[in-house]
N, C-alpha and C. Protein backbone atom coordinates (compact mmCIF):
# COMPACT_ATOMS: atom_id res chain seq x y z
N MET A 1 35.19 -4.12 -32.70
CA MET A 1 34.96 -4.76 -31.42
C MET A 1 33.99 -3.96 -30.56
N ASN A 2 34.16 -2.62 -30.56
CA ASN A 2 33.27 -1.76 -29.78
C ASN A 2 31.82 -1.88 -30.26
N LYS A 3 31.63 -1.99 -31.58
CA LYS A 3 30.27 -2.13 -32.12
C LYS A 3 29.65 -3.44 -31.64
N LEU A 4 30.45 -4.48 -31.55
CA LEU A 4 29.95 -5.78 -31.10
C LEU A 4 29.53 -5.72 -29.63
N ILE A 5 30.28 -5.05 -28.82
CA ILE A 5 29.95 -4.88 -27.40
C ILE A 5 28.66 -4.08 -27.26
N ILE A 6 28.55 -2.99 -28.02
CA ILE A 6 27.34 -2.17 -27.96
C ILE A 6 26.12 -2.96 -28.43
N LEU A 7 26.27 -3.73 -29.50
CA LEU A 7 25.18 -4.56 -30.01
C LEU A 7 24.76 -5.59 -28.97
N PHE A 8 25.73 -6.20 -28.31
CA PHE A 8 25.43 -7.20 -27.28
C PHE A 8 24.69 -6.56 -26.11
N ALA A 9 25.16 -5.41 -25.66
CA ALA A 9 24.52 -4.71 -24.54
C ALA A 9 23.09 -4.31 -24.91
N PHE A 10 22.90 -3.83 -26.12
CA PHE A 10 21.57 -3.45 -26.58
C PHE A 10 20.64 -4.66 -26.62
N THR A 11 21.14 -5.79 -27.09
CA THR A 11 20.34 -7.03 -27.15
C THR A 11 19.93 -7.47 -25.75
N VAL A 12 20.85 -7.42 -24.81
CA VAL A 12 20.54 -7.80 -23.43
C VAL A 12 19.47 -6.86 -22.86
N LEU A 13 19.59 -5.59 -23.12
CA LEU A 13 18.61 -4.61 -22.65
C LEU A 13 17.22 -4.89 -23.22
N ILE A 14 17.14 -5.17 -24.50
CA ILE A 14 15.84 -5.47 -25.15
C ILE A 14 15.25 -6.74 -24.57
N LEU A 15 16.04 -7.78 -24.41
CA LEU A 15 15.54 -9.04 -23.86
C LEU A 15 15.06 -8.87 -22.42
N SER A 16 15.76 -8.06 -21.66
CA SER A 16 15.36 -7.79 -20.29
C SER A 16 14.02 -7.07 -20.25
N ALA A 17 13.84 -6.09 -21.10
CA ALA A 17 12.58 -5.35 -21.16
C ALA A 17 11.43 -6.26 -21.58
N CYS A 18 11.67 -7.14 -22.55
CA CYS A 18 10.63 -8.08 -22.98
C CYS A 18 10.27 -9.04 -21.85
N ASN A 19 11.25 -9.47 -21.10
CA ASN A 19 11.00 -10.38 -19.99
C ASN A 19 10.15 -9.70 -18.92
N GLN A 20 10.41 -8.43 -18.63
CA GLN A 20 9.62 -7.68 -17.65
C GLN A 20 8.17 -7.54 -18.14
N ALA A 21 8.00 -7.25 -19.43
CA ALA A 21 6.66 -7.09 -19.98
C ALA A 21 5.88 -8.39 -19.90
N ALA A 22 6.55 -9.51 -20.09
CA ALA A 22 5.89 -10.81 -20.02
C ALA A 22 5.40 -11.11 -18.61
N LYS A 23 6.04 -10.53 -17.60
CA LYS A 23 5.66 -10.78 -16.21
C LYS A 23 4.45 -9.95 -15.78
N THR A 24 4.10 -8.90 -16.52
CA THR A 24 2.99 -8.04 -16.16
C THR A 24 1.68 -8.74 -16.48
N ARG A 25 0.79 -8.81 -15.49
CA ARG A 25 -0.49 -9.46 -15.69
C ARG A 25 -1.59 -8.41 -15.77
N GLN A 26 -2.65 -8.76 -16.46
CA GLN A 26 -3.83 -7.92 -16.52
C GLN A 26 -4.65 -8.12 -15.26
N VAL A 27 -5.29 -7.07 -14.78
CA VAL A 27 -6.17 -7.17 -13.63
C VAL A 27 -7.38 -8.01 -14.05
N PRO A 28 -7.65 -9.11 -13.35
CA PRO A 28 -8.80 -9.94 -13.71
C PRO A 28 -10.12 -9.15 -13.61
N ALA A 29 -11.04 -9.47 -14.47
CA ALA A 29 -12.32 -8.75 -14.53
C ALA A 29 -13.08 -8.84 -13.21
N ASN A 30 -13.07 -10.00 -12.56
CA ASN A 30 -13.83 -10.13 -11.31
C ASN A 30 -13.27 -9.22 -10.22
N ILE A 31 -11.99 -8.96 -10.26
CA ILE A 31 -11.36 -8.08 -9.26
C ILE A 31 -11.68 -6.61 -9.59
N SER A 32 -11.59 -6.25 -10.86
CA SER A 32 -11.96 -4.89 -11.26
C SER A 32 -13.41 -4.59 -10.91
N GLU A 33 -14.29 -5.55 -11.18
CA GLU A 33 -15.72 -5.38 -10.88
C GLU A 33 -15.96 -5.25 -9.38
N ALA A 34 -15.25 -6.05 -8.58
CA ALA A 34 -15.39 -5.97 -7.12
C ALA A 34 -14.97 -4.60 -6.62
N PHE A 35 -13.90 -4.05 -7.19
CA PHE A 35 -13.47 -2.71 -6.78
C PHE A 35 -14.53 -1.67 -7.11
N VAL A 36 -15.07 -1.73 -8.32
CA VAL A 36 -16.07 -0.75 -8.75
C VAL A 36 -17.31 -0.82 -7.87
N LYS A 37 -17.69 -2.01 -7.41
CA LYS A 37 -18.84 -2.14 -6.51
C LYS A 37 -18.57 -1.43 -5.18
N LEU A 38 -17.34 -1.51 -4.70
CA LEU A 38 -16.98 -0.86 -3.43
C LEU A 38 -16.86 0.66 -3.57
N HIS A 39 -16.27 1.09 -4.66
CA HIS A 39 -15.96 2.51 -4.87
C HIS A 39 -16.34 2.92 -6.30
N PRO A 40 -17.64 3.05 -6.58
CA PRO A 40 -18.07 3.31 -7.96
C PRO A 40 -17.58 4.65 -8.53
N ASN A 41 -17.26 5.60 -7.67
CA ASN A 41 -16.83 6.92 -8.16
C ASN A 41 -15.33 7.16 -8.01
N ALA A 42 -14.61 6.15 -7.62
CA ALA A 42 -13.18 6.32 -7.34
C ALA A 42 -12.36 6.34 -8.62
N THR A 43 -11.21 6.96 -8.50
CA THR A 43 -10.20 6.91 -9.55
C THR A 43 -9.09 5.99 -9.07
N ILE A 44 -8.78 4.99 -9.86
CA ILE A 44 -7.69 4.08 -9.50
C ILE A 44 -6.38 4.75 -9.89
N LEU A 45 -5.52 4.93 -8.90
CA LEU A 45 -4.23 5.56 -9.13
C LEU A 45 -3.21 4.54 -9.61
N LYS A 46 -3.34 3.30 -9.10
CA LYS A 46 -2.35 2.28 -9.46
C LYS A 46 -2.86 0.91 -9.00
N TRP A 47 -2.60 -0.10 -9.81
CA TRP A 47 -2.82 -1.49 -9.41
C TRP A 47 -1.46 -2.09 -9.09
N ASN A 48 -1.35 -2.74 -7.95
CA ASN A 48 -0.15 -3.49 -7.59
C ASN A 48 -0.46 -4.97 -7.70
N ASP A 49 0.35 -5.69 -8.41
CA ASP A 49 0.19 -7.13 -8.60
C ASP A 49 1.21 -7.83 -7.73
N GLU A 50 0.73 -8.38 -6.62
CA GLU A 50 1.60 -9.11 -5.68
C GLU A 50 0.98 -10.49 -5.47
N PRO A 51 1.14 -11.38 -6.48
CA PRO A 51 0.43 -12.67 -6.47
C PRO A 51 0.47 -13.34 -5.10
N PRO A 52 -0.66 -13.84 -4.64
CA PRO A 52 -1.96 -13.91 -5.32
C PRO A 52 -2.85 -12.70 -5.05
N ILE A 53 -2.30 -11.62 -4.54
CA ILE A 53 -3.08 -10.44 -4.15
C ILE A 53 -2.97 -9.33 -5.20
N TRP A 54 -4.09 -8.69 -5.44
CA TRP A 54 -4.14 -7.47 -6.26
C TRP A 54 -4.50 -6.32 -5.34
N GLU A 55 -3.77 -5.22 -5.42
CA GLU A 55 -4.04 -4.05 -4.60
C GLU A 55 -4.35 -2.86 -5.49
N ALA A 56 -5.48 -2.22 -5.24
CA ALA A 56 -5.86 -1.01 -5.97
C ALA A 56 -5.65 0.19 -5.07
N LYS A 57 -4.76 1.09 -5.47
CA LYS A 57 -4.60 2.36 -4.76
C LYS A 57 -5.54 3.33 -5.45
N TYR A 58 -6.33 4.07 -4.65
CA TYR A 58 -7.38 4.88 -5.23
C TYR A 58 -7.56 6.21 -4.52
N LYS A 59 -8.33 7.06 -5.19
CA LYS A 59 -8.79 8.32 -4.60
C LYS A 59 -10.28 8.39 -4.93
N ASP A 60 -11.07 8.68 -3.91
CA ASP A 60 -12.52 8.76 -4.06
C ASP A 60 -12.97 10.04 -3.35
N GLY A 61 -13.08 11.12 -4.10
CA GLY A 61 -13.35 12.42 -3.48
C GLY A 61 -12.16 12.81 -2.62
N GLU A 62 -12.41 13.05 -1.34
CA GLU A 62 -11.34 13.40 -0.40
C GLU A 62 -10.65 12.15 0.17
N GLU A 63 -11.27 10.99 -0.01
CA GLU A 63 -10.75 9.73 0.56
C GLU A 63 -9.64 9.16 -0.32
N LYS A 64 -8.54 8.77 0.34
CA LYS A 64 -7.44 8.08 -0.35
C LYS A 64 -7.18 6.79 0.40
N GLY A 65 -6.89 5.74 -0.35
CA GLY A 65 -6.61 4.48 0.29
C GLY A 65 -6.22 3.41 -0.68
N ALA A 66 -6.34 2.16 -0.21
CA ALA A 66 -6.02 1.00 -1.03
C ALA A 66 -6.90 -0.16 -0.58
N VAL A 67 -7.24 -1.01 -1.53
CA VAL A 67 -8.01 -2.21 -1.25
C VAL A 67 -7.26 -3.38 -1.86
N SER A 68 -7.08 -4.44 -1.08
CA SER A 68 -6.41 -5.65 -1.56
C SER A 68 -7.45 -6.75 -1.74
N PHE A 69 -7.33 -7.47 -2.86
CA PHE A 69 -8.24 -8.56 -3.19
C PHE A 69 -7.47 -9.85 -3.40
N ASN A 70 -8.09 -10.98 -3.02
CA ASN A 70 -7.51 -12.28 -3.38
C ASN A 70 -8.04 -12.66 -4.76
N ASP A 71 -7.66 -13.84 -5.24
CA ASP A 71 -8.06 -14.25 -6.59
C ASP A 71 -9.56 -14.52 -6.73
N LYS A 72 -10.28 -14.60 -5.60
CA LYS A 72 -11.73 -14.78 -5.64
C LYS A 72 -12.45 -13.43 -5.56
N ALA A 73 -11.71 -12.36 -5.65
CA ALA A 73 -12.23 -10.98 -5.58
C ALA A 73 -12.78 -10.65 -4.19
N GLU A 74 -12.28 -11.32 -3.17
CA GLU A 74 -12.65 -11.02 -1.79
C GLU A 74 -11.66 -10.00 -1.23
N VAL A 75 -12.18 -9.05 -0.49
CA VAL A 75 -11.32 -8.04 0.12
C VAL A 75 -10.53 -8.71 1.24
N THR A 76 -9.21 -8.59 1.17
CA THR A 76 -8.35 -9.15 2.22
C THR A 76 -7.84 -8.09 3.18
N GLU A 77 -7.81 -6.83 2.70
CA GLU A 77 -7.32 -5.75 3.54
C GLU A 77 -7.70 -4.42 2.89
N THR A 78 -7.98 -3.44 3.74
CA THR A 78 -8.16 -2.07 3.24
C THR A 78 -7.21 -1.16 4.00
N GLU A 79 -6.75 -0.14 3.32
CA GLU A 79 -5.92 0.90 3.92
C GLU A 79 -6.61 2.22 3.65
N LEU A 80 -6.77 3.01 4.67
CA LEU A 80 -7.42 4.30 4.52
C LEU A 80 -6.54 5.38 5.15
N VAL A 81 -6.20 6.38 4.37
CA VAL A 81 -5.44 7.51 4.89
C VAL A 81 -6.37 8.30 5.80
N ILE A 82 -5.91 8.52 7.03
CA ILE A 82 -6.71 9.24 8.01
C ILE A 82 -5.92 10.40 8.60
N ALA A 83 -6.63 11.30 9.24
CA ALA A 83 -5.99 12.41 9.94
C ALA A 83 -5.50 11.93 11.30
N GLU A 84 -4.49 12.57 11.83
CA GLU A 84 -3.96 12.23 13.15
C GLU A 84 -5.06 12.27 14.21
N SER A 85 -6.02 13.15 14.05
CA SER A 85 -7.12 13.28 15.01
C SER A 85 -8.04 12.05 15.02
N GLN A 86 -7.94 11.20 14.01
CA GLN A 86 -8.79 10.01 13.92
C GLN A 86 -8.13 8.77 14.52
N LEU A 87 -6.95 8.93 15.08
CA LEU A 87 -6.26 7.80 15.70
C LEU A 87 -6.98 7.37 16.97
N PRO A 88 -6.93 6.08 17.32
CA PRO A 88 -7.61 5.62 18.53
C PRO A 88 -6.89 6.09 19.79
N ASN A 89 -7.61 6.07 20.88
CA ASN A 89 -7.04 6.34 22.20
C ASN A 89 -6.38 7.72 22.27
N ALA A 90 -7.06 8.69 21.68
CA ALA A 90 -6.68 10.10 21.69
C ALA A 90 -5.20 10.36 21.46
N SER A 91 -4.43 10.59 22.52
CA SER A 91 -3.03 11.00 22.36
C SER A 91 -2.04 9.86 22.52
N ALA A 92 -2.48 8.62 22.72
CA ALA A 92 -1.55 7.52 23.00
C ALA A 92 -0.51 7.35 21.89
N ILE A 93 -0.95 7.35 20.64
CA ILE A 93 -0.01 7.14 19.54
C ILE A 93 0.91 8.35 19.36
N PRO A 94 0.39 9.57 19.28
CA PRO A 94 1.30 10.72 19.17
C PRO A 94 2.27 10.80 20.35
N ASP A 95 1.80 10.49 21.57
CA ASP A 95 2.69 10.51 22.73
C ASP A 95 3.79 9.46 22.60
N TYR A 96 3.45 8.27 22.09
CA TYR A 96 4.45 7.21 21.89
C TYR A 96 5.51 7.68 20.88
N ILE A 97 5.05 8.27 19.79
CA ILE A 97 5.99 8.75 18.76
C ILE A 97 6.91 9.81 19.37
N LYS A 98 6.37 10.76 20.11
CA LYS A 98 7.19 11.82 20.72
C LYS A 98 8.21 11.24 21.69
N ALA A 99 7.80 10.23 22.47
CA ALA A 99 8.70 9.65 23.48
C ALA A 99 9.79 8.79 22.86
N HIS A 100 9.47 8.02 21.81
CA HIS A 100 10.42 7.07 21.24
C HIS A 100 11.14 7.57 20.00
N TYR A 101 10.60 8.60 19.38
CA TYR A 101 11.21 9.19 18.19
C TYR A 101 11.16 10.71 18.35
N PRO A 102 11.91 11.25 19.31
CA PRO A 102 11.77 12.67 19.68
C PRO A 102 12.09 13.66 18.56
N ASN A 103 12.88 13.24 17.57
CA ASN A 103 13.23 14.15 16.49
C ASN A 103 12.32 14.00 15.27
N GLU A 104 11.28 13.20 15.40
CA GLU A 104 10.39 12.93 14.27
C GLU A 104 9.03 13.57 14.46
N LYS A 105 8.40 13.83 13.33
CA LYS A 105 7.01 14.29 13.31
C LYS A 105 6.22 13.27 12.51
N ILE A 106 4.97 13.10 12.87
CA ILE A 106 4.10 12.19 12.12
C ILE A 106 3.89 12.77 10.73
N GLN A 107 4.22 11.97 9.69
CA GLN A 107 4.08 12.41 8.31
C GLN A 107 2.78 11.91 7.68
N GLY A 108 2.21 10.85 8.23
CA GLY A 108 0.98 10.31 7.69
C GLY A 108 0.45 9.21 8.57
N CYS A 109 -0.85 8.95 8.45
CA CYS A 109 -1.50 7.90 9.24
C CYS A 109 -2.42 7.09 8.33
N GLU A 110 -2.43 5.78 8.55
CA GLU A 110 -3.34 4.92 7.81
C GLU A 110 -4.03 3.96 8.77
N LYS A 111 -5.30 3.74 8.52
CA LYS A 111 -6.05 2.73 9.25
C LYS A 111 -6.11 1.50 8.36
N ILE A 112 -5.62 0.37 8.88
CA ILE A 112 -5.60 -0.88 8.13
C ILE A 112 -6.67 -1.79 8.72
N THR A 113 -7.55 -2.28 7.87
CA THR A 113 -8.59 -3.20 8.31
C THR A 113 -8.37 -4.53 7.61
N LYS A 114 -8.17 -5.57 8.39
CA LYS A 114 -7.95 -6.92 7.85
C LYS A 114 -9.29 -7.58 7.52
N GLN A 115 -9.22 -8.71 6.83
CA GLN A 115 -10.40 -9.45 6.41
C GLN A 115 -11.27 -9.86 7.60
N ASP A 116 -10.63 -10.11 8.75
CA ASP A 116 -11.39 -10.53 9.94
C ASP A 116 -12.01 -9.34 10.70
N GLY A 117 -11.80 -8.14 10.19
CA GLY A 117 -12.38 -6.95 10.82
C GLY A 117 -11.47 -6.25 11.81
N SER A 118 -10.33 -6.84 12.12
CA SER A 118 -9.40 -6.21 13.07
C SER A 118 -8.71 -5.01 12.41
N ASN A 119 -8.38 -4.03 13.24
CA ASN A 119 -7.75 -2.80 12.76
C ASN A 119 -6.36 -2.64 13.36
N THR A 120 -5.47 -2.12 12.54
CA THR A 120 -4.18 -1.62 13.02
C THR A 120 -4.00 -0.24 12.40
N TYR A 121 -3.03 0.48 12.93
CA TYR A 121 -2.75 1.83 12.46
C TYR A 121 -1.27 1.93 12.13
N GLU A 122 -0.96 2.43 10.94
CA GLU A 122 0.42 2.63 10.52
C GLU A 122 0.70 4.12 10.52
N ILE A 123 1.76 4.48 11.23
CA ILE A 123 2.16 5.88 11.34
C ILE A 123 3.48 6.04 10.59
N GLN A 124 3.51 6.93 9.60
CA GLN A 124 4.72 7.16 8.83
C GLN A 124 5.56 8.26 9.46
N ILE A 125 6.82 7.91 9.67
CA ILE A 125 7.84 8.89 10.04
C ILE A 125 8.97 8.68 9.05
N THR A 126 10.03 9.42 9.13
CA THR A 126 11.11 9.32 8.16
C THR A 126 11.65 7.89 8.06
N GLY A 127 11.42 7.27 6.91
CA GLY A 127 11.97 5.95 6.61
C GLY A 127 11.36 4.78 7.36
N LYS A 128 10.30 5.02 8.13
CA LYS A 128 9.72 3.94 8.94
C LYS A 128 8.21 4.07 9.01
N GLU A 129 7.59 2.92 9.27
CA GLU A 129 6.18 2.88 9.64
C GLU A 129 6.11 2.24 11.01
N ILE A 130 5.43 2.91 11.93
CA ILE A 130 5.25 2.39 13.28
C ILE A 130 3.82 1.86 13.34
N VAL A 131 3.66 0.60 13.75
CA VAL A 131 2.35 -0.05 13.71
C VAL A 131 1.79 -0.18 15.13
N PHE A 132 0.51 0.18 15.27
CA PHE A 132 -0.21 0.12 16.54
C PHE A 132 -1.47 -0.71 16.35
N ASP A 133 -1.95 -1.30 17.44
CA ASP A 133 -3.20 -2.07 17.36
C ASP A 133 -4.40 -1.12 17.44
N GLY A 134 -5.60 -1.69 17.40
CA GLY A 134 -6.82 -0.90 17.42
C GLY A 134 -7.04 -0.12 18.70
N GLU A 135 -6.29 -0.45 19.75
CA GLU A 135 -6.38 0.27 21.03
C GLU A 135 -5.33 1.38 21.13
N GLY A 136 -4.43 1.42 20.15
CA GLY A 136 -3.37 2.41 20.18
C GLY A 136 -2.10 1.94 20.84
N LYS A 137 -1.95 0.61 21.04
CA LYS A 137 -0.74 0.05 21.65
C LYS A 137 0.27 -0.31 20.58
N TYR A 138 1.55 -0.02 20.84
CA TYR A 138 2.64 -0.30 19.92
C TYR A 138 2.71 -1.78 19.59
N LEU A 139 2.87 -2.10 18.27
CA LEU A 139 3.05 -3.48 17.84
C LEU A 139 4.42 -3.73 17.22
N SER A 140 4.81 -2.86 16.26
CA SER A 140 6.07 -3.12 15.58
C SER A 140 6.53 -1.88 14.82
N GLU A 141 7.74 -1.98 14.31
CA GLU A 141 8.34 -0.96 13.48
C GLU A 141 8.75 -1.63 12.17
N GLU A 142 8.40 -1.01 11.05
CA GLU A 142 8.75 -1.55 9.73
C GLU A 142 9.47 -0.49 8.93
N LYS A 143 10.40 -0.94 8.10
CA LYS A 143 11.05 0.01 7.17
C LYS A 143 10.04 0.38 6.11
N ASP A 144 10.05 1.65 5.75
CA ASP A 144 9.11 2.15 4.75
C ASP A 144 9.67 1.98 3.36
């Protein structure tokens, strides 16, 4: 009886793994080519497949970020890791973090540029991302 249970569990595990593999898609050529045109010297760290969006996380020299593409290989969003000193409105964002999250320190900053050219800034603190607009005004809090 124990052998039958083990065999059944093993079969379920194998079928589950095969099902996951079937869900993995290849990065379309037009999207790979669009990325290479933007960042010809970059190293792709990871592709995220979030249909209908493909996101390439990359490193290009000292620059780290991500680029999201739609199925037409158009850039829908870029994320760029930036230094705290590159945040808009000088001290507005760090001051907001100190006032509203007094026990936290800024762990990272990203500049997000949408397809329409608008910018937001995501500030990472423990377990959260705090989002600000291009002027440095608070927009929202998201779980990380």
